[in-house]
């Protein structure tokens, strides 16, 4: 069997997956460094030539993000303000060269606790579309990532697209990231938040924290606590360390300990919400 494949159709790609063990490659910004070798060992399937897997499009149900869509594509896309956090995160994914090559689905399939796209897509209620020769299935993003470097992908499946429902496309959003330096850094903590306000009251709230626990987490309790309150700085009284850390079970690692992460995540949540409360486009 050839060690390198570059199919042009999704059906061809799925047939190759079924034929045996196959490593999927797109931007290779995570895959290649992980090999610790000068070349990728085969068999390799490069999916960047499959047009069905690229681009962002509006559908009757919301938005579809193709699996091989790059972070630069996200930055350039004409998207509602609710996607602002995803665009901000895209600008934080490595250098411009990495953004030009790295893909949205690759960031998720790598399943790093510090994946920049994960909190934003969680806060957009994203679902993951998986395909094999047996058919397709949809999984909530929170169910797709099962642990550090672990996903629910079957050996003969691949991610085809991410879907954001229309219900998550309203309001405005922000992304904040804390690291040891401003650029090209793995985060200590990061927060994505989306607020929808009607007649001065918070109608919807979606807040997710990454890099603080084994997998990124939505802060469901805090979200419920915000809904129904007036969209004023007074609502920030709902944010405290206990409420934030209860959903996270913060981790210790070389970049920070659990106690620091709890404090940092709480402060990031406050600052992110404060940014949103002062956004003129808040609707």
Foldseek 3Di string as FASTA:
>chain_A
DDQEAEDQEPVVVQVVLVVDFEAEDFLCPPVVVVVVDPDDTGNYYYDNNHVLQQDWDADPFGIKHGQNYFLVRLLPDDAFQLCVASNVLSPQQAHVSRRVTPGPNVLVLQQALQRSNQFSCVLLQKWWWKDHPVGIDIGGSVQQRPFRNDGPDDSSMDTGIIGGGPVSRDFHKHKDFDAPDDHDGRGCKMKIKGFADDPQATAFIWMWMGNFARHIWILVVLRVQRGPHGLDLVSLVSQDLVSVCVGGVGDDDPGHHNVVSSVVHSVNVSVRSVVRSPDPPGD
